[in-house]
Amino acid sequence: MAIQTIYGMDYKKSLHLYVLQRDYVSERLAITLEDVLSDDNSTGIDAVVKAFLTRCSTVLYDYIYSFNPKFKKYKQYMLCHNKEWAEAVREMLLDMVMYHVLNGLDSTILNPLLNTSPESRVPVLTDEQIRQAAIPEGVKQKVKNMGWNIVWYNFNFDEKLLDDYANEELLIAEI
């Protein structure tokens, strides 16, 4: 099997994950991230958009891996080699982008001192609330529907797959 080429996403080999393409986001969600993420003080909007899309990917993948951290490498392999899984990731990433665009924040990077302190003027959030807000409920349901939230206590696979995966990544260009 080879790393799948999925319309609307680029595979980022340094992170072992897919990242949505900005034009695909505009096409599917009818939003322009440059407009949504722009700030009067922002000079490098391209870098801001790229960082936002990468951040959405890392948060989603970390959530998926959290159920089976012992088998993270195997999950990495399957998420980029199984076309159905990769396409499901794309749909989840679109949901995450829309969620964060509509809510105007990424709760996983909120300053916990500002958001958990009763002396603060912003709403007080518990650490658990901050963690829960990172992943939209619709994405959690999709992860469940894919069966990715099932904890594997014992799972056998051919370790050679991981060696082949590492060699395959060496052959592709970094995005």
Protein backbone atom coordinates (compact mmCIF):
# COMPACT_ATOMS: atom_id res chain seq x y z
CA MET A 1 0.00 0.00 0.00
CA ALA A 2 1.13 3.58 -0.62
CA ILE A 3 0.44 6.87 1.12
CA GLN A 4 -2.86 7.97 -0.38
CA THR A 5 -3.24 11.10 -2.46
CA ILE A 6 -6.44 12.66 -1.18
CA TYR A 7 -8.08 15.56 -2.96
CA GLY A 8 -8.07 18.64 -0.75
CA MET A 9 -5.24 17.57 1.54
CA ASP A 10 -1.47 17.46 1.56
CA TYR A 11 0.50 14.85 3.47
CA LYS A 12 2.99 16.49 5.84
CA LYS A 13 5.65 13.86 6.37
CA SER A 14 7.46 15.67 9.21
CA LEU A 15 4.29 15.37 11.31
CA HIS A 16 2.96 12.14 9.72
CA LEU A 17 -0.44 13.66 9.00
CA TYR A 18 -2.64 15.30 6.41
CA VAL A 19 -3.32 19.04 6.36
CA LEU A 20 -6.22 20.59 4.48
CA GLN A 21 -5.43 22.80 1.50
CA ARG A 22 -6.66 26.36 1.92
CA ASP A 23 -8.36 26.44 -1.50
CA TYR A 24 -10.22 23.22 -0.70
CA VAL A 25 -11.50 24.78 2.53
CA SER A 26 -12.80 27.77 0.55
CA GLU A 27 -14.40 25.46 -2.01
CA ARG A 28 -16.13 23.17 0.50
CA LEU A 29 -17.00 25.61 3.29
CA ALA A 30 -17.51 28.79 1.25
CA ILE A 31 -15.19 30.74 3.56
CA THR A 32 -11.89 32.45 2.92
CA LEU A 33 -9.53 31.74 5.78
CA GLU A 34 -7.43 34.79 4.93
CA ASP A 35 -10.44 37.01 5.72
CA VAL A 36 -11.46 35.09 8.81
CA LEU A 37 -7.98 34.91 10.33
CA SER A 38 -6.74 38.33 9.30
CA ASP A 39 -5.96 40.88 11.95
CA ASP A 40 -4.92 44.50 11.58
CA ASN A 41 -1.56 43.54 13.09
CA SER A 42 -1.10 40.38 11.02
CA THR A 43 1.58 40.72 8.36
CA GLY A 44 2.11 37.11 7.28
CA ILE A 45 -1.43 35.92 6.63
CA ASP A 46 -0.22 32.96 4.56
CA ALA A 47 1.77 31.71 7.54
CA VAL A 48 -1.21 32.28 9.85
CA VAL A 49 -3.54 30.26 7.61
CA LYS A 50 -1.00 27.46 7.22
CA ALA A 51 -0.43 27.35 10.99
CA PHE A 52 -4.19 27.29 11.65
CA LEU A 53 -4.75 24.36 9.28
CA THR A 54 -1.76 22.47 10.70
CA ARG A 55 -3.04 23.13 14.23
CA CYS A 56 -6.45 21.67 13.36
CA SER A 57 -4.72 18.55 12.04
CA THR A 58 -2.46 18.06 15.04
CA VAL A 59 -5.37 18.47 17.48
CA LEU A 60 -7.49 15.92 15.56
CA TYR A 61 -4.69 13.39 15.18
CA ASP A 62 -3.76 13.72 18.88
CA TYR A 63 -7.38 13.00 19.76
CA ILE A 64 -7.44 9.92 17.52
CA TYR A 65 -4.14 8.65 18.95
CA SER A 66 -5.30 9.22 22.55
CA PHE A 67 -7.36 6.03 22.50
CA ASN A 68 -4.38 3.82 21.61
CA PRO A 69 -1.12 5.64 22.32
CA LYS A 70 0.71 2.30 22.42
CA PHE A 71 -0.21 1.74 18.75
CA LYS A 72 0.31 5.31 17.53
CA LYS A 73 2.74 4.34 14.75
CA TYR A 74 0.31 1.76 13.38
CA LYS A 75 -2.52 4.31 13.45
CA GLN A 76 -0.28 6.79 11.64
CA TYR A 77 0.32 4.17 8.99
CA MET A 78 -3.36 3.32 8.58
CA LEU A 79 -4.55 6.94 8.54
CA CYS A 80 -2.49 7.67 5.45
CA HIS A 81 -2.59 4.30 3.70
CA ASN A 82 -6.27 3.44 4.02
CA LYS A 83 -8.19 5.68 1.59
CA GLU A 84 -11.47 5.46 3.55
CA TRP A 85 -9.68 6.51 6.74
CA ALA A 86 -7.88 9.38 5.02
CA GLU A 87 -11.12 10.65 3.49
CA ALA A 88 -12.80 10.45 6.90
CA VAL A 89 -9.95 12.55 8.33
CA ARG A 90 -10.58 15.14 5.60
CA GLU A 91 -14.26 15.44 6.58
CA MET A 92 -13.40 15.69 10.27
CA LEU A 93 -10.84 18.41 9.54
CA LEU A 94 -13.44 20.39 7.62
CA ASP A 95 -15.77 20.13 10.63
CA MET A 96 -12.97 21.29 12.93
CA VAL A 97 -12.11 24.27 10.74
CA MET A 98 -15.75 25.36 10.60
CA TYR A 99 -16.13 24.85 14.37
CA HIS A 100 -13.10 26.99 15.19
CA VAL A 101 -14.02 29.64 12.61
CA LEU A 102 -17.57 29.93 14.01
CA ASN A 103 -16.41 29.94 17.64
CA GLY A 104 -13.48 32.22 17.01
CA LEU A 105 -10.97 30.34 19.12
CA ASP A 106 -8.89 27.26 19.62
CA SER A 107 -9.53 26.23 23.19
CA THR A 108 -6.41 24.10 23.35
CA ILE A 109 -4.17 27.15 23.20
CA LEU A 110 -6.12 29.38 25.59
CA ASN A 111 -4.01 30.68 28.42
CA PRO A 112 -5.12 28.55 31.37
CA LEU A 113 -4.17 31.28 33.84
CA LEU A 114 -6.61 33.68 32.19
CA ASN A 115 -9.37 31.15 31.70
CA THR A 116 -9.29 29.15 34.91
CA SER A 117 -8.64 31.96 37.38
CA PRO A 118 -11.63 33.36 39.32
CA GLU A 119 -9.83 36.74 39.46
CA SER A 120 -9.90 36.94 35.68
CA ARG A 121 -12.63 38.85 33.85
CA VAL A 122 -13.01 36.13 31.24
CA PRO A 123 -15.23 33.10 31.89
CA VAL A 124 -13.68 30.54 34.19
CA LEU A 125 -13.00 27.24 32.41
CA THR A 126 -11.83 24.03 33.99
CA ASP A 127 -8.98 22.09 32.39
CA GLU A 128 -11.50 19.42 31.43
CA GLN A 129 -13.76 21.97 29.72
CA ILE A 130 -10.78 23.29 27.76
CA ARG A 131 -9.87 19.76 26.63
CA GLN A 132 -13.47 18.90 25.74
CA ALA A 133 -13.92 22.09 23.69
CA ALA A 134 -10.97 21.27 21.41
CA ILE A 135 -12.89 18.64 19.45
CA PRO A 136 -16.42 19.37 18.19
CA GLU A 137 -19.11 16.86 19.15
CA GLY A 138 -19.71 16.02 15.48
CA VAL A 139 -16.06 15.04 15.07
CA LYS A 140 -16.16 12.93 18.24
CA GLN A 141 -19.17 11.11 16.79
CA LYS A 142 -17.37 10.52 13.48
CA VAL A 143 -14.35 9.12 15.33
CA LYS A 144 -16.72 6.80 17.18
CA ASN A 145 -18.48 5.79 13.95
CA MET A 146 -15.10 4.86 12.42
CA GLY A 147 -14.33 2.73 15.49
CA TRP A 148 -11.21 4.75 16.25
CA ASN A 149 -12.22 5.32 19.87
CA ILE A 150 -12.02 1.61 20.73
CA VAL A 151 -9.08 0.87 23.01
CA TRP A 152 -6.87 -1.96 21.82
CA TYR A 153 -5.35 -3.94 24.66
CA ASN A 154 -3.64 -6.40 22.41
CA PHE A 155 -3.17 -5.95 18.71
CA ASN A 156 -0.85 -7.79 16.36
CA PHE A 157 0.46 -6.40 13.11
CA ASP A 158 3.49 -6.90 10.94
CA GLU A 159 6.22 -4.52 12.18
CA LYS A 160 7.62 -4.50 8.64
CA LEU A 161 4.74 -2.17 7.70
CA LEU A 162 6.29 0.54 9.83
CA ASP A 163 9.69 0.12 8.20
CA ASP A 164 8.09 0.31 4.76
CA TYR A 165 6.19 3.43 5.88
CA ALA A 166 9.39 5.14 7.04
CA ASN A 167 11.10 4.33 3.75
CA GLU A 168 8.10 5.57 1.79
CA GLU A 169 8.14 8.89 3.64
CA LEU A 170 11.79 9.36 2.72
CA LEU A 171 10.80 9.36 -0.94
CA ILE A 172 8.15 12.10 -0.77
CA ALA A 173 8.78 15.82 -0.64
CA GLU A 174 7.85 17.83 2.45
CA ILE A 175 4.95 20.21 1.99
